[in-house]
Amino acid sequence: MGADRQTKTERIDVVVTSDPITAAAISATNTTTRMMYSNSTGGDNLFSLFGLRVTDNYGKVYSTLTLQKYNYLFGVTFTVKNIVITNFSSGTNANEVIIDPYGNIHVGSAVAAFEITATTSSGKAVTVFVTME
């Protein structure tokens, strides 16, 4: 009821759609970043480190840890390429970059730099360049 105790009725048009949520765009606020070796054993998460943002087909933006939480909707996967090794090592995982399903990164002690491409299930992608300190 309104302030004068009269009932008011309004009409608005609503469009209902059954389109599933998909990624319309992906971006990173940090496309070049440096990582510390001390954080390379799982201390960094790619969703946060790169400032990843996905915009869905309805215009809603998901970023960093919220994006990680709802990643089952967007299927963001990570691909590592162009790994630069400074001093090859025969130690376990020393020459590797490993990313777990949650975006946590593990970088071997002999790795100096690499690229990571984040790709959504709809084929949108962004590449980030990482150097180790």
Protein backbone atom coordinates (compact mmCIF):
# COMPACT_ATOMS: atom_id res chain seq x y z
CA MET A 1 0.00 0.00 0.00
CA GLY A 2 1.07 3.53 -0.65
CA ALA A 3 1.45 6.22 2.02
CA ASP A 4 -2.16 7.25 1.44
CA ARG A 5 -3.26 3.61 2.09
CA GLN A 6 -4.24 3.00 -1.53
CA THR A 7 -3.14 -0.09 -3.40
CA LYS A 8 -1.01 0.59 -6.47
CA THR A 9 -0.48 -1.81 -9.35
CA GLU A 10 2.36 -1.58 -11.84
CA ARG A 11 3.06 -3.57 -14.94
CA ILE A 12 6.55 -4.49 -16.16
CA ASP A 13 7.59 -6.73 -19.01
CA VAL A 14 9.92 -9.59 -18.14
CA VAL A 15 11.86 -11.68 -20.64
CA VAL A 16 12.58 -15.22 -19.52
CA THR A 17 15.20 -17.28 -21.29
CA SER A 18 16.53 -20.78 -20.79
CA ASP A 19 19.96 -20.12 -22.31
CA PRO A 20 22.69 -21.75 -20.22
CA ILE A 21 25.40 -19.56 -18.72
CA THR A 22 28.51 -19.47 -20.90
CA ALA A 23 31.65 -17.36 -21.02
CA ALA A 24 31.34 -14.47 -23.46
CA ALA A 25 34.79 -13.04 -22.62
CA ILE A 26 37.85 -13.69 -20.45
CA SER A 27 40.53 -11.20 -19.46
CA ALA A 28 43.41 -10.78 -17.02
CA THR A 29 44.37 -7.59 -15.22
CA ASN A 30 47.97 -8.88 -15.02
CA THR A 31 49.14 -10.20 -18.40
CA THR A 32 52.78 -10.02 -17.31
CA THR A 33 53.64 -10.98 -13.75
CA ARG A 34 56.53 -12.03 -11.53
CA MET A 35 56.38 -14.86 -9.03
CA MET A 36 58.64 -15.43 -6.07
CA TYR A 37 60.22 -18.88 -5.81
CA SER A 38 59.14 -18.98 -2.16
CA ASN A 39 55.48 -18.91 -3.33
CA SER A 40 55.97 -21.42 -6.12
CA THR A 41 55.04 -24.48 -4.09
CA GLY A 42 51.33 -23.81 -4.15
CA GLY A 43 51.22 -20.39 -2.49
CA ASP A 44 49.84 -18.65 -5.58
CA ASN A 45 46.49 -19.18 -7.22
CA LEU A 46 46.17 -18.27 -10.90
CA PHE A 47 42.64 -16.89 -10.58
CA SER A 48 43.97 -14.27 -8.11
CA LEU A 49 47.56 -13.85 -9.33
CA PHE A 50 46.45 -12.98 -12.87
CA GLY A 51 43.29 -11.12 -11.86
CA LEU A 52 41.20 -13.34 -14.11
CA ARG A 53 37.74 -12.08 -15.07
CA VAL A 54 35.04 -13.89 -17.03
CA THR A 55 31.97 -12.10 -18.35
CA ASP A 56 29.03 -14.41 -18.94
CA ASN A 57 26.49 -14.21 -21.75
CA TYR A 58 24.18 -12.17 -19.49
CA GLY A 59 26.86 -9.53 -18.78
CA LYS A 60 27.68 -10.59 -15.21
CA VAL A 61 31.39 -10.43 -14.34
CA TYR A 62 33.05 -13.14 -12.22
CA SER A 63 36.57 -12.42 -10.98
CA THR A 64 39.41 -13.94 -8.95
CA LEU A 65 38.21 -16.28 -6.19
CA THR A 66 34.53 -15.88 -7.13
CA LEU A 67 35.47 -17.07 -10.61
CA GLN A 68 37.34 -20.00 -9.06
CA LYS A 69 34.20 -20.90 -7.06
CA TYR A 70 31.95 -20.83 -10.15
CA ASN A 71 34.50 -22.26 -12.57
CA TYR A 72 32.30 -25.32 -13.06
CA LEU A 73 30.09 -23.03 -15.17
CA PHE A 74 32.90 -21.74 -17.40
CA GLY A 75 35.40 -24.62 -17.50
CA VAL A 76 38.52 -22.44 -17.36
CA THR A 77 41.55 -24.66 -17.97
CA PHE A 78 45.21 -23.71 -17.93
CA THR A 79 47.88 -24.63 -20.48
CA VAL A 80 51.57 -24.06 -19.80
CA LYS A 81 53.98 -23.52 -22.70
CA ASN A 82 57.35 -21.99 -23.57
CA ILE A 83 58.99 -22.96 -20.28
CA VAL A 84 62.48 -21.43 -19.94
CA ILE A 85 64.88 -23.50 -17.81
CA THR A 86 67.93 -21.79 -16.30
CA ASN A 87 69.87 -24.73 -14.91
CA PHE A 88 68.47 -28.11 -15.85
CA SER A 89 67.98 -30.27 -12.78
CA SER A 90 67.31 -33.97 -12.39
CA GLY A 91 65.38 -33.28 -9.18
CA THR A 92 61.72 -34.18 -8.86
CA ASN A 93 59.55 -31.58 -10.66
CA ALA A 94 62.47 -29.10 -10.80
CA ASN A 95 61.92 -28.45 -14.53
CA GLU A 96 58.12 -28.40 -14.48
CA VAL A 97 55.19 -26.06 -13.97
CA ILE A 98 52.19 -27.87 -12.52
CA ILE A 99 48.70 -26.41 -12.09
CA ASP A 100 46.11 -28.29 -10.05
CA PRO A 101 42.37 -28.29 -10.89
CA TYR A 102 41.78 -25.32 -8.54
CA GLY A 103 44.35 -23.04 -10.19
CA ASN A 104 47.10 -23.49 -7.58
CA ILE A 105 50.50 -23.35 -9.24
CA HIS A 106 53.67 -25.28 -8.43
CA VAL A 107 56.86 -24.12 -10.16
CA GLY A 108 60.09 -26.11 -10.22
CA SER A 109 63.32 -24.58 -8.95
CA ALA A 110 65.01 -24.61 -12.39
CA VAL A 111 62.18 -22.73 -14.16
CA ALA A 112 62.94 -19.09 -15.05
CA ALA A 113 59.88 -18.10 -17.14
CA PHE A 114 56.82 -19.51 -18.89
CA GLU A 115 53.46 -18.66 -20.46
CA ILE A 116 50.06 -19.76 -19.22
CA THR A 117 46.94 -19.63 -21.35
CA ALA A 118 43.57 -19.68 -19.58
CA THR A 119 40.85 -21.00 -21.89
CA THR A 120 37.11 -21.23 -21.22
CA SER A 121 34.92 -24.10 -22.39
CA SER A 122 33.46 -21.72 -25.00
CA GLY A 123 36.95 -21.19 -26.52
CA LYS A 124 37.73 -17.70 -25.18
CA ALA A 125 41.35 -17.36 -24.04
CA VAL A 126 43.91 -15.04 -22.46
CA THR A 127 47.67 -15.58 -22.14
CA VAL A 128 49.83 -14.44 -19.23
CA PHE A 129 53.64 -14.27 -19.20
CA VAL A 130 55.35 -15.21 -15.94
CA THR A 131 58.95 -14.66 -14.83
CA MET A 132 60.38 -16.12 -11.64
CA GLU A 133 62.36 -14.15 -9.08
